[in-house]
C-alpha atoms as a PDB file:
ATOM      1  CA  ILE A   1     -38.139 -31.302  56.959  1.00  0.00           C
ATOM      2  CA  ASN A   2     -38.840 -28.744  54.247  1.00  0.00           C
ATOM      3  CA  MET A   3     -42.122 -26.906  54.808  1.00  0.00           C
ATOM      4  CA  CYS A   4     -41.451 -24.238  52.139  1.00  0.00           C
ATOM      5  CA  GLN A   5     -43.061 -24.225  48.743  1.00  0.00           C
ATOM      6  CA  SER A   6     -40.014 -22.512  47.209  1.00  0.00           C
ATOM      7  CA  GLU A   7     -37.047 -24.115  45.514  1.00  0.00           C
ATOM      8  CA  HIS A   8     -34.329 -21.658  46.580  1.00  0.00           C
ATOM      9  CA  ASP A   9     -30.774 -22.967  46.493  1.00  0.00           C
ATOM     10  CA  ALA A  10     -30.509 -22.001  50.162  1.00  0.00           C
ATOM     11  CA  ILE A  11     -33.145 -24.592  51.047  1.00  0.00           C
ATOM     12  CA  MET A  12     -31.869 -27.232  48.668  1.00  0.00           C
ATOM     13  CA  CYS A  13     -28.299 -26.879  50.007  1.00  0.00           C
ATOM     14  CA  ALA A  14     -29.031 -26.075  53.668  1.00  0.00           C
ATOM     15  CA  ALA A  15     -27.880 -29.492  54.842  1.00  0.00           C
ATOM     16  CA  ILE A  16     -24.604 -29.591  52.899  1.00  0.00           C
ATOM     17  CA  ARG A  17     -22.093 -31.053  55.303  1.00  0.00           C
ATOM     18  CA  ARG A  18     -18.920 -30.532  53.350  1.00  0.00           C
ATOM     19  CA  THR A  19     -17.749 -28.992  50.113  1.00  0.00           C
ATOM     20  CA  PRO A  20     -14.316 -30.349  49.187  1.00  0.00           C
ATOM     21  CA  GLY A  21     -11.654 -27.643  49.203  1.00  0.00           C
ATOM     22  CA  TYR A  22     -13.804 -24.936  50.798  1.00  0.00           C
ATOM     23  CA  ASP A  23     -13.997 -23.802  54.423  1.00  0.00           C
ATOM     24  CA  VAL A  24     -16.683 -21.228  53.651  1.00  0.00           C
ATOM     25  CA  THR A  25     -19.688 -22.035  51.453  1.00  0.00           C
ATOM     26  CA  GLY A  26     -21.381 -18.620  51.491  1.00  0.00           C
ATOM     27  CA  VAL A  27     -21.819 -15.238  53.143  1.00  0.00           C
ATOM     28  CA  GLY A  28     -24.729 -13.924  55.199  1.00  0.00           C
ATOM     29  CA  VAL A  29     -25.348 -10.155  55.181  1.00  0.00           C
ATOM     30  CA  VAL A  30     -27.765  -7.854  57.037  1.00  0.00           C
ATOM     31  CA  ILE A  31     -28.459  -4.592  55.193  1.00  0.00           C
ATOM     32  CA  CYS A  32     -30.531  -1.483  55.774  1.00  0.00           C
ATOM     33  CA  SER A  33     -33.146  -1.689  53.031  1.00  0.00           C
ATOM     34  CA  ARG A  34     -33.787   2.050  53.179  1.00  0.00           C
ATOM     35  CA  HIS A  35     -30.189   3.076  52.567  1.00  0.00           C
ATOM     36  CA  GLY A  36     -28.703  -0.108  51.094  1.00  0.00           C
ATOM     37  CA  LEU A  37     -25.873  -0.082  53.624  1.00  0.00           C
ATOM     38  CA  VAL A  38     -24.486  -3.086  55.458  1.00  0.00           C
ATOM     39  CA  ARG A  39     -25.389  -2.965  59.154  1.00  0.00           C
ATOM     40  CA  PRO A  40     -22.509  -2.925  61.671  1.00  0.00           C
ATOM     41  CA  ASN A  41     -21.585  -6.525  62.595  1.00  0.00           C
ATOM     42  CA  GLY A  42     -23.964  -7.661  59.853  1.00  0.00           C
ATOM     43  CA  VAL A  43     -21.664  -9.888  57.779  1.00  0.00           C
ATOM     44  CA  GLY A  44     -20.615 -13.454  58.477  1.00  0.00           C
ATOM     45  CA  ASP A  45     -19.276 -16.561  56.790  1.00  0.00           C
ATOM     46  CA  LEU A  46     -21.514 -19.573  56.299  1.00  0.00           C
ATOM     47  CA  GLN A  47     -19.790 -22.885  56.866  1.00  0.00           C
ATOM     48  CA  LYS A  48     -21.285 -26.230  55.852  1.00  0.00           C
ATOM     49  CA  GLY A  49     -24.225 -24.719  53.996  1.00  0.00           C
ATOM     50  CA  GLU A  50     -26.687 -22.113  55.187  1.00  0.00           C
ATOM     51  CA  ARG A  51     -27.211 -23.215  58.776  1.00  0.00           C
ATOM     52  CA  TYR A  52     -29.716 -21.277  60.817  1.00  0.00           C
ATOM     53  CA  CYS A  53     -27.368 -20.830  63.794  1.00  0.00           C
ATOM     54  CA  ASN A  54     -25.020 -18.785  61.582  1.00  0.00           C
ATOM     55  CA  MET A  55     -27.847 -16.538  60.378  1.00  0.00           C
ATOM     56  CA  ASP A  56     -29.219 -16.214  63.929  1.00  0.00           C
ATOM     57  CA  TYR A  57     -25.851 -14.930  65.114  1.00  0.00           C
ATOM     58  CA  ILE A  58     -25.411 -12.521  62.179  1.00  0.00           C
ATOM     59  CA  VAL A  59     -28.925 -11.063  62.537  1.00  0.00           C
ATOM     60  CA  LEU A  60     -28.744 -10.701  66.327  1.00  0.00           C
ATOM     61  CA  SER A  61     -25.267  -9.133  66.121  1.00  0.00           C
ATOM     62  CA  ALA A  62     -26.582  -6.565  63.635  1.00  0.00           C
ATOM     63  CA  LEU A  63     -29.691  -5.838  65.733  1.00  0.00           C
ATOM     64  CA  VAL A  64     -27.641  -4.896  68.807  1.00  0.00           C
ATOM     65  CA  SER A  65     -26.802  -1.564  67.153  1.00  0.00           C
ATOM     66  CA  ALA A  66     -30.393  -1.081  65.944  1.00  0.00           C
ATOM     67  CA  MET A  67     -32.155  -1.091  69.311  1.00  0.00           C
ATOM     68  CA  SER A  68     -33.098   2.604  68.991  1.00  0.00           C
ATOM     69  CA  LEU A  69     -35.145   1.989  65.834  1.00  0.00           C
ATOM     70  CA  LEU A  70     -38.910   2.031  66.247  1.00  0.00           C
ATOM     71  CA  VAL A  71     -39.664  -0.520  63.525  1.00  0.00           C
ATOM     72  CA  ILE A  72     -37.509  -3.428  62.397  1.00  0.00           C
ATOM     73  CA  VAL A  73     -38.668  -5.606  59.508  1.00  0.00           C
ATOM     74  CA  ILE A  74     -36.802  -8.822  58.774  1.00  0.00           C
ATOM     75  CA  THR A  75     -37.076 -10.496  55.388  1.00  0.00           C
ATOM     76  CA  TYR A  76     -35.238 -13.651  54.424  1.00  0.00           C
ATOM     77  CA  ASP A  77     -35.473 -15.739  51.251  1.00  0.00           C
ATOM     78  CA  ILE A  78     -36.184 -18.860  53.297  1.00  0.00           C
ATOM     79  CA  ALA A  79     -38.012 -17.219  56.209  1.00  0.00           C
ATOM     80  CA  CYS A  80     -40.677 -19.920  56.072  1.00  0.00           C
ATOM     81  CA  GLN A  81     -37.999 -22.367  57.274  1.00  0.00           C
ATOM     82  CA  TRP A  82     -36.095 -20.003  59.615  1.00  0.00           C
END
């Protein structure tokens, strides 16, 4: 069920089950917005569309090395669905 008011491709294609000829349908990345650098363990393949379990794993893997930070802000283009 789509509760978002946006029309991002990530929402429209989130339930894609299979894309013929492709094992990977996208890439999820966690970056430091202050420095623009990719966080350690912050990159992962997205199979079968942008499933939330893939993004959960990528974000939590990146946050393991960020536990010493005082403030962590997470933004996501489809955060209203996540």
